[in-house]
C-alpha atoms as a PDB file:
ATOM      1  CA  MET A   1      -5.898   6.395   6.067  1.00  0.00           C
ATOM      2  CA  GLY A   2      -8.120   7.062   9.065  1.00  0.00           C
ATOM      3  CA  VAL A   3      -9.801   9.988   7.287  1.00  0.00           C
ATOM      4  CA  VAL A   4     -10.333   7.869   4.188  1.00  0.00           C
ATOM      5  CA  ASN A   5     -11.637   4.935   6.270  1.00  0.00           C
ATOM      6  CA  LYS A   6     -14.298   7.173   7.787  1.00  0.00           C
ATOM      7  CA  SER A   7     -15.546   8.124   4.314  1.00  0.00           C
ATOM      8  CA  LEU A   8     -15.961   4.528   3.076  1.00  0.00           C
ATOM      9  CA  THR A   9     -19.454   3.119   2.669  1.00  0.00           C
ATOM     10  CA  HIS A  10     -20.372  -0.380   3.844  1.00  0.00           C
ATOM     11  CA  GLU A  11     -20.218  -1.565   0.231  1.00  0.00           C
ATOM     12  CA  HIS A  12     -16.685  -0.158  -0.184  1.00  0.00           C
ATOM     13  CA  LYS A  13     -15.479  -1.763   3.043  1.00  0.00           C
ATOM     14  CA  SER A  14     -16.980  -5.132   2.088  1.00  0.00           C
ATOM     15  CA  LEU A  15     -15.182  -5.140  -1.241  1.00  0.00           C
ATOM     16  CA  ILE A  16     -11.852  -4.083   0.286  1.00  0.00           C
ATOM     17  CA  GLN A  17     -12.188  -6.633   3.073  1.00  0.00           C
ATOM     18  CA  SER A  18     -12.491  -9.380   0.469  1.00  0.00           C
ATOM     19  CA  THR A  19      -8.902  -8.601  -0.627  1.00  0.00           C
ATOM     20  CA  SER A  20      -5.517  -9.028   1.033  1.00  0.00           C
ATOM     21  CA  PHE A  21      -5.740  -5.360   2.022  1.00  0.00           C
ATOM     22  CA  ALA A  22      -8.538  -5.752   4.580  1.00  0.00           C
ATOM     23  CA  TRP A  23      -6.123  -4.702   7.336  1.00  0.00           C
ATOM     24  CA  LEU A  24      -5.969  -1.169   5.877  1.00  0.00           C
ATOM     25  CA  THR A  25      -9.599  -0.588   6.860  1.00  0.00           C
ATOM     26  CA  LEU A  26      -8.611  -1.051  10.512  1.00  0.00           C
ATOM     27  CA  LEU A  27      -6.110   1.819  10.539  1.00  0.00           C
ATOM     28  CA  GLY A  28      -7.030   4.887  12.557  1.00  0.00           C
ATOM     29  CA  ASP A  29      -6.048   8.549  12.318  1.00  0.00           C
ATOM     30  CA  LYS A  30      -2.870   8.387  14.308  1.00  0.00           C
ATOM     31  CA  VAL A  31      -0.942   5.556  12.665  1.00  0.00           C
ATOM     32  CA  LYS A  32       2.650   6.628  12.176  1.00  0.00           C
ATOM     33  CA  LEU A  33       5.866   4.716  11.766  1.00  0.00           C
ATOM     34  CA  SER A  34       8.530   5.948  14.116  1.00  0.00           C
ATOM     35  CA  GLN A  35      11.484   7.176  12.073  1.00  0.00           C
ATOM     36  CA  THR A  36      13.723   6.533  15.074  1.00  0.00           C
ATOM     37  CA  LEU A  37      12.577   2.912  15.276  1.00  0.00           C
ATOM     38  CA  LEU A  38      12.903   2.439  11.524  1.00  0.00           C
ATOM     39  CA  ARG A  39      16.417   3.946  11.536  1.00  0.00           C
ATOM     40  CA  GLU A  40      17.402   1.682  14.456  1.00  0.00           C
ATOM     41  CA  LEU A  41      16.048  -1.428  12.729  1.00  0.00           C
ATOM     42  CA  CYS A  42      17.801  -0.550   9.465  1.00  0.00           C
ATOM     43  CA  SER A  43      21.110   0.022  11.252  1.00  0.00           C
ATOM     44  CA  ARG A  44      20.870  -3.381  12.987  1.00  0.00           C
ATOM     45  CA  TRP A  45      19.717  -5.414   9.989  1.00  0.00           C
ATOM     46  CA  MET A  46      22.165  -8.230   9.134  1.00  0.00           C
ATOM     47  CA  GLU A  47      21.634  -8.812   5.411  1.00  0.00           C
ATOM     48  CA  ARG A  48      23.907 -11.843   5.262  1.00  0.00           C
ATOM     49  CA  ARG A  49      21.901 -13.634   7.978  1.00  0.00           C
ATOM     50  CA  GLN A  50      18.506 -12.066   7.165  1.00  0.00           C
ATOM     51  CA  SER A  51      18.070 -11.223  10.837  1.00  0.00           C
ATOM     52  CA  PHE A  52      18.178  -8.646  13.612  1.00  0.00           C
ATOM     53  CA  PRO A  53      20.505  -8.943  16.609  1.00  0.00           C
ATOM     54  CA  ILE A  54      18.496  -8.326  19.763  1.00  0.00           C
ATOM     55  CA  ARG A  55      20.578  -8.402  22.941  1.00  0.00           C
ATOM     56  CA  SER A  56      22.560 -11.645  22.676  1.00  0.00           C
ATOM     57  CA  GLU A  57      20.109 -13.342  20.291  1.00  0.00           C
ATOM     58  CA  VAL A  58      19.901 -13.282  16.508  1.00  0.00           C
ATOM     59  CA  VAL A  59      16.275 -13.173  15.373  1.00  0.00           C
ATOM     60  CA  PRO A  60      15.673 -14.288  11.766  1.00  0.00           C
ATOM     61  CA  PHE A  61      13.201 -12.148   9.876  1.00  0.00           C
ATOM     62  CA  SER A  62      12.226 -13.060   6.336  1.00  0.00           C
ATOM     63  CA  LEU A  63      10.169 -11.370   3.653  1.00  0.00           C
ATOM     64  CA  LEU A  64       7.577 -14.044   4.330  1.00  0.00           C
ATOM     65  CA  ASN A  65       7.382 -12.870   7.977  1.00  0.00           C
ATOM     66  CA  VAL A  66       6.616  -9.348   6.776  1.00  0.00           C
ATOM     67  CA  CYS A  67       3.981 -10.598   4.347  1.00  0.00           C
ATOM     68  CA  PHE A  68       2.256 -12.704   7.004  1.00  0.00           C
ATOM     69  CA  GLY A  69       2.298  -9.779   9.421  1.00  0.00           C
ATOM     70  CA  LEU A  70       0.572  -7.578   6.848  1.00  0.00           C
ATOM     71  CA  GLY A  71      -1.890 -10.261   5.777  1.00  0.00           C
ATOM     72  CA  LEU A  72      -0.390 -10.533   2.295  1.00  0.00           C
ATOM     73  CA  ILE A  73       0.531 -13.556   0.236  1.00  0.00           C
ATOM     74  CA  GLY A  74       4.301 -13.971   0.276  1.00  0.00           C
ATOM     75  CA  ILE A  75       4.784 -15.994  -2.879  1.00  0.00           C
ATOM     76  CA  GLY A  76       4.298 -15.217  -6.520  1.00  0.00           C
ATOM     77  CA  GLU A  77       5.853 -13.188  -9.277  1.00  0.00           C
ATOM     78  CA  LYS A  78       8.101 -10.238  -8.544  1.00  0.00           C
ATOM     79  CA  ILE A  79       6.627  -6.831  -9.201  1.00  0.00           C
ATOM     80  CA  ASP A  80       8.463  -4.465 -11.536  1.00  0.00           C
ATOM     81  CA  MET A  81       7.754  -1.174  -9.773  1.00  0.00           C
ATOM     82  CA  HIS A  82       9.245   0.930 -12.549  1.00  0.00           C
ATOM     83  CA  LYS A  83       7.569  -0.911 -15.396  1.00  0.00           C
ATOM     84  CA  ILE A  84       6.405   1.505 -18.051  1.00  0.00           C
ATOM     85  CA  VAL A  85       2.733   0.789 -18.536  1.00  0.00           C
ATOM     86  CA  ASP A  86       0.380   1.941 -21.177  1.00  0.00           C
ATOM     87  CA  GLU A  87      -2.682   3.671 -19.887  1.00  0.00           C
ATOM     88  CA  THR A  88      -4.499   1.428 -17.436  1.00  0.00           C
ATOM     89  CA  HIS A  89      -8.016   1.864 -16.131  1.00  0.00           C
ATOM     90  CA  THR A  90      -6.828   3.022 -12.708  1.00  0.00           C
ATOM     91  CA  MET A  91      -4.441   5.504 -14.313  1.00  0.00           C
ATOM     92  CA  THR A  92      -7.359   7.073 -16.235  1.00  0.00           C
ATOM     93  CA  LEU A  93      -8.836   8.180 -12.901  1.00  0.00           C
ATOM     94  CA  PHE A  94      -6.137  10.870 -12.823  1.00  0.00           C
ATOM     95  CA  GLU A  95      -5.499  13.753 -15.201  1.00  0.00           C
ATOM     96  CA  THR A  96      -1.781  12.991 -15.380  1.00  0.00           C
ATOM     97  CA  ASN A  97       0.503   9.953 -15.482  1.00  0.00           C
ATOM     98  CA  ASN A  98       2.719  11.478 -12.758  1.00  0.00           C
ATOM     99  CA  VAL A  99       0.623  10.552  -9.740  1.00  0.00           C
ATOM    100  CA  ILE A 100       1.614  11.407  -6.174  1.00  0.00           C
ATOM    101  CA  VAL A 101       0.085  10.086  -2.946  1.00  0.00           C
ATOM    102  CA  LYS A 102      -1.773  13.346  -2.193  1.00  0.00           C
ATOM    103  CA  MET A 103      -3.595  13.055  -5.517  1.00  0.00           C
ATOM    104  CA  ILE A 104      -4.927   9.614  -4.561  1.00  0.00           C
ATOM    105  CA  PHE A 105      -6.169  10.945  -1.228  1.00  0.00           C
ATOM    106  CA  TYR A 106      -8.001  13.854  -2.902  1.00  0.00           C
ATOM    107  CA  GLU A 107      -9.561  11.563  -5.519  1.00  0.00           C
ATOM    108  CA  ILE A 108     -10.929   9.311  -2.782  1.00  0.00           C
ATOM    109  CA  ILE A 109     -12.280  12.198  -0.694  1.00  0.00           C
ATOM    110  CA  LYS A 110     -14.080  13.788  -3.645  1.00  0.00           C
ATOM    111  CA  PHE A 111     -15.333  10.434  -4.937  1.00  0.00           C
ATOM    112  CA  ASP A 112     -19.043  10.406  -5.678  1.00  0.00           C
ATOM    113  CA  ASN A 113     -20.859   7.607  -3.821  1.00  0.00           C
ATOM    114  CA  ASP A 114     -22.809   6.955  -7.006  1.00  0.00           C
ATOM    115  CA  GLY A 115     -19.509   6.188  -8.783  1.00  0.00           C
ATOM    116  CA  CYS A 116     -18.038   2.789  -9.509  1.00  0.00           C
ATOM    117  CA  VAL A 117     -17.310   0.913  -6.265  1.00  0.00           C
ATOM    118  CA  GLU A 118     -14.413  -0.947  -7.902  1.00  0.00           C
ATOM    119  CA  ASP A 119     -12.791   2.377  -8.864  1.00  0.00           C
ATOM    120  CA  LEU A 120     -12.869   3.640  -5.292  1.00  0.00           C
ATOM    121  CA  CYS A 121     -11.497   0.344  -4.013  1.00  0.00           C
ATOM    122  CA  SER A 122      -8.665   0.466  -6.583  1.00  0.00           C
ATOM    123  CA  LEU A 123      -7.807   3.990  -5.421  1.00  0.00           C
ATOM    124  CA  TYR A 124      -7.941   2.858  -1.793  1.00  0.00           C
ATOM    125  CA  ILE A 125      -5.567  -0.063  -2.382  1.00  0.00           C
ATOM    126  CA  LEU A 126      -3.277   2.212  -4.422  1.00  0.00           C
ATOM    127  CA  LEU A 127      -3.175   4.623  -1.468  1.00  0.00           C
ATOM    128  CA  GLY A 128      -2.338   1.802   0.951  1.00  0.00           C
ATOM    129  CA  LEU A 129       0.402   0.443  -1.300  1.00  0.00           C
ATOM    130  CA  SER A 130       1.886   3.869  -1.987  1.00  0.00           C
ATOM    131  CA  LYS A 131       1.691   5.229   1.546  1.00  0.00           C
ATOM    132  CA  PHE A 132       2.440   2.204   3.741  1.00  0.00           C
ATOM    133  CA  LEU A 133       3.937  -0.703   1.850  1.00  0.00           C
ATOM    134  CA  LEU A 134       5.964   0.911  -0.939  1.00  0.00           C
ATOM    135  CA  PRO A 135       6.426   4.581  -0.043  1.00  0.00           C
ATOM    136  CA  ASN A 136       9.131   6.892  -1.268  1.00  0.00           C
ATOM    137  CA  ARG A 137      10.312  10.282  -0.054  1.00  0.00           C
ATOM    138  CA  MET A 138       8.818  12.249  -2.926  1.00  0.00           C
ATOM    139  CA  GLY A 139       5.382  10.661  -2.538  1.00  0.00           C
ATOM    140  CA  ILE A 140       5.501   9.494  -6.151  1.00  0.00           C
ATOM    141  CA  VAL A 141       3.392   6.454  -7.031  1.00  0.00           C
ATOM    142  CA  HIS A 142       5.392   3.767  -8.813  1.00  0.00           C
ATOM    143  CA  SER A 143       4.035   3.210 -12.328  1.00  0.00           C
ATOM    144  CA  GLY A 144       4.112  -0.590 -11.963  1.00  0.00           C
ATOM    145  CA  LEU A 145       1.361  -0.446  -9.322  1.00  0.00           C
ATOM    146  CA  PHE A 146      -1.263   0.616 -11.847  1.00  0.00           C
ATOM    147  CA  SER A 147      -1.124  -2.618 -13.827  1.00  0.00           C
ATOM    148  CA  ILE A 148      -1.337  -4.625 -10.591  1.00  0.00           C
ATOM    149  CA  LEU A 149      -4.539  -2.813  -9.642  1.00  0.00           C
ATOM    150  CA  ASP A 150      -6.074  -3.489 -13.002  1.00  0.00           C
ATOM    151  CA  ASP A 151      -5.230  -7.170 -12.543  1.00  0.00           C
ATOM    152  CA  LEU A 152      -7.260  -7.147  -9.302  1.00  0.00           C
ATOM    153  CA  ARG A 153     -10.376  -5.967 -11.140  1.00  0.00           C
END
Protein backbone atom coordinates (compact mmCIF):
# COMPACT_ATOMS: atom_id res chain seq x y z
CA MET A 1 0.00 0.00 0.00
CA GLY A 2 2.92 2.32 0.67
CA VAL A 3 4.02 2.14 -2.98
CA VAL A 4 0.48 2.83 -4.14
CA ASN A 5 0.09 5.70 -1.63
CA LYS A 6 3.16 7.40 -3.07
CA SER A 7 1.63 7.31 -6.56
CA LEU A 8 -1.68 8.95 -5.55
CA THR A 9 -2.35 12.53 -6.60
CA HIS A 10 -3.83 15.09 -4.22
CA GLU A 11 -7.19 14.67 -5.95
CA HIS A 12 -7.09 10.88 -5.44
CA LYS A 13 -6.18 11.23 -1.77
CA SER A 14 -8.95 13.78 -1.18
CA LEU A 15 -11.57 11.48 -2.65
CA ILE A 16 -10.34 8.45 -0.69
CA GLN A 17 -10.13 10.45 2.52
CA SER A 18 -13.81 11.32 2.16
CA THR A 19 -14.63 7.61 2.59
CA SER A 20 -14.36 5.19 5.50
CA PHE A 21 -11.06 4.03 3.99
CA ALA A 22 -9.09 7.21 4.70
CA TRP A 23 -6.85 5.25 7.09
CA LEU A 24 -5.42 3.28 4.15
CA THR A 25 -3.71 6.42 2.85
CA LEU A 26 -1.67 6.56 6.06
CA LEU A 27 -0.07 3.14 5.58
CA GLY A 28 3.64 3.07 4.80
CA ASP A 29 5.87 0.58 2.99
CA LYS A 30 6.60 -1.69 5.89
CA VAL A 31 3.15 -2.52 7.25
CA LYS A 32 2.95 -6.24 7.93
CA LEU A 33 0.78 -8.32 10.19
CA SER A 34 2.82 -10.66 12.31
CA GLN A 35 1.76 -14.23 11.55
CA THR A 36 3.02 -15.25 14.98
CA LEU A 37 0.81 -12.64 16.67
CA LEU A 38 -2.17 -13.55 14.51
CA ARG A 39 -1.71 -17.27 15.25
CA GLU A 40 -1.43 -16.52 18.99
CA LEU A 41 -4.58 -14.37 18.96
CA CYS A 42 -6.53 -17.01 17.02
CA SER A 43 -5.45 -19.76 19.42
CA ARG A 44 -6.59 -17.70 22.44
CA TRP A 45 -9.89 -16.48 21.02
CA MET A 46 -12.87 -17.60 23.14
CA GLU A 47 -15.77 -17.70 20.68
CA ARG A 48 -18.38 -18.42 23.33
CA ARG A 49 -17.41 -15.29 25.31
CA GLN A 50 -16.30 -13.18 22.32
CA SER A 51 -13.09 -12.35 24.16
CA PHE A 52 -9.38 -12.94 24.64
CA PRO A 53 -7.91 -14.19 27.92
CA ILE A 54 -4.95 -12.00 28.83
CA ARG A 55 -3.15 -13.09 31.99
CA SER A 56 -5.94 -13.48 34.56
CA GLU A 57 -8.37 -11.13 32.78
CA VAL A 58 -10.91 -11.81 30.05
CA VAL A 59 -11.01 -8.94 27.57
CA PRO A 60 -14.19 -8.73 25.46
CA PHE A 61 -13.58 -7.90 21.82
CA SER A 62 -16.51 -7.43 19.47
CA LEU A 63 -16.84 -6.95 15.74
CA LEU A 64 -17.80 -3.38 16.55
CA ASN A 65 -14.42 -2.91 18.30
CA VAL A 66 -12.65 -4.02 15.12
CA CYS A 67 -14.77 -1.71 12.97
CA PHE A 68 -14.11 1.29 15.21
CA GLY A 69 -10.39 0.53 15.22
CA LEU A 70 -10.34 0.52 11.42
CA GLY A 71 -12.54 3.59 11.10
CA LEU A 72 -15.40 1.63 9.55
CA ILE A 73 -19.11 1.67 10.27
CA GLY A 74 -20.01 -1.44 12.25
CA ILE A 75 -23.69 -1.69 11.45
CA GLY A 76 -25.59 -2.40 8.29
CA GLU A 77 -26.35 -5.24 5.95
CA LYS A 78 -24.15 -8.32 5.79
CA ILE A 79 -21.97 -8.64 2.73
CA ASP A 80 -22.25 -11.78 0.61
CA MET A 81 -18.60 -12.19 -0.37
CA HIS A 82 -19.30 -15.01 -2.80
CA LYS A 83 -22.28 -13.38 -4.46
CA ILE A 84 -22.23 -13.98 -8.19
CA VAL A 85 -22.45 -10.57 -9.77
CA ASP A 86 -23.08 -9.59 -13.31
CA GLU A 87 -20.45 -7.37 -14.80
CA THR A 88 -20.01 -4.27 -12.66
CA HIS A 89 -18.21 -1.09 -13.61
CA THR A 90 -15.22 -1.87 -11.38
CA MET A 91 -15.00 -5.39 -12.81
CA THR A 92 -14.74 -3.93 -16.35
CA LEU A 93 -11.40 -2.38 -15.36
CA PHE A 94 -9.93 -5.88 -15.61
CA GLU A 95 -9.66 -8.21 -18.60
CA THR A 96 -10.95 -11.17 -16.60
CA ASN A 97 -13.54 -11.89 -13.91
CA ASN A 98 -10.96 -13.88 -11.91
CA VAL A 99 -9.16 -10.98 -10.26
CA ILE A 100 -6.25 -11.43 -7.85
CA VAL A 101 -4.68 -8.81 -5.58
CA LYS A 102 -1.56 -8.42 -7.76
CA MET A 103 -3.76 -7.44 -10.70
CA ILE A 104 -5.28 -4.58 -8.68
CA PHE A 105 -1.83 -3.33 -7.72
CA TYR A 106 -0.64 -3.35 -11.35
CA GLU A 107 -3.79 -1.57 -12.55
CA ILE A 108 -3.24 1.20 -10.01
CA ILE A 109 0.46 1.60 -10.83
CA LYS A 110 -0.17 1.84 -14.58
CA PHE A 111 -3.20 4.09 -14.12
CA ASP A 112 -3.11 7.19 -16.29
CA ASN A 113 -3.47 10.39 -14.25
CA ASP A 114 -5.81 11.68 -16.94
CA GLY A 115 -8.13 8.73 -16.23
CA CYS A 116 -11.27 8.74 -14.13
CA VAL A 117 -10.46 9.63 -10.50
CA GLU A 118 -13.38 7.53 -9.26
CA ASP A 119 -12.00 4.47 -11.07
CA LEU A 120 -8.62 4.78 -9.38
CA CYS A 121 -10.28 5.28 -6.00
CA SER A 122 -12.45 2.18 -6.55
CA LEU A 123 -9.33 0.17 -7.37
CA TYR A 124 -7.58 1.58 -4.30
CA ILE A 125 -10.44 0.63 -1.97
CA LEU A 126 -10.65 -2.81 -3.63
CA LEU A 127 -6.93 -3.28 -2.93
CA GLY A 128 -7.37 -2.27 0.72
CA LEU A 129 -10.35 -4.58 1.19
CA SER A 130 -8.67 -7.50 -0.56
CA LYS A 131 -5.24 -7.14 1.00
CA PHE A 132 -5.96 -6.01 4.57
CA LEU A 133 -9.56 -6.48 5.60
CA LEU A 134 -10.71 -9.57 3.69
CA PRO A 135 -7.60 -11.35 2.42
CA ASN A 136 -7.29 -14.99 1.49
CA ARG A 137 -4.27 -17.21 0.93
CA MET A 138 -4.63 -17.38 -2.84
CA GLY A 139 -4.89 -13.61 -3.22
CA ILE A 140 -8.23 -14.01 -4.98
CA VAL A 141 -10.62 -11.05 -4.81
CA HIS A 142 -14.07 -12.03 -3.60
CA SER A 143 -16.67 -11.38 -6.31
CA GLY A 144 -19.09 -9.73 -3.86
CA LEU A 145 -16.69 -6.80 -3.37
CA PHE A 146 -17.25 -5.52 -6.90
CA SER A 147 -20.92 -4.69 -6.35
CA ILE A 148 -20.04 -2.92 -3.08
CA LEU A 149 -17.57 -0.69 -4.92
CA ASP A 150 -20.11 0.20 -7.53
CA ASP A 151 -22.52 1.15 -4.74
CA LEU A 152 -19.91 3.63 -3.45
CA ARG A 153 -19.83 5.44 -6.79
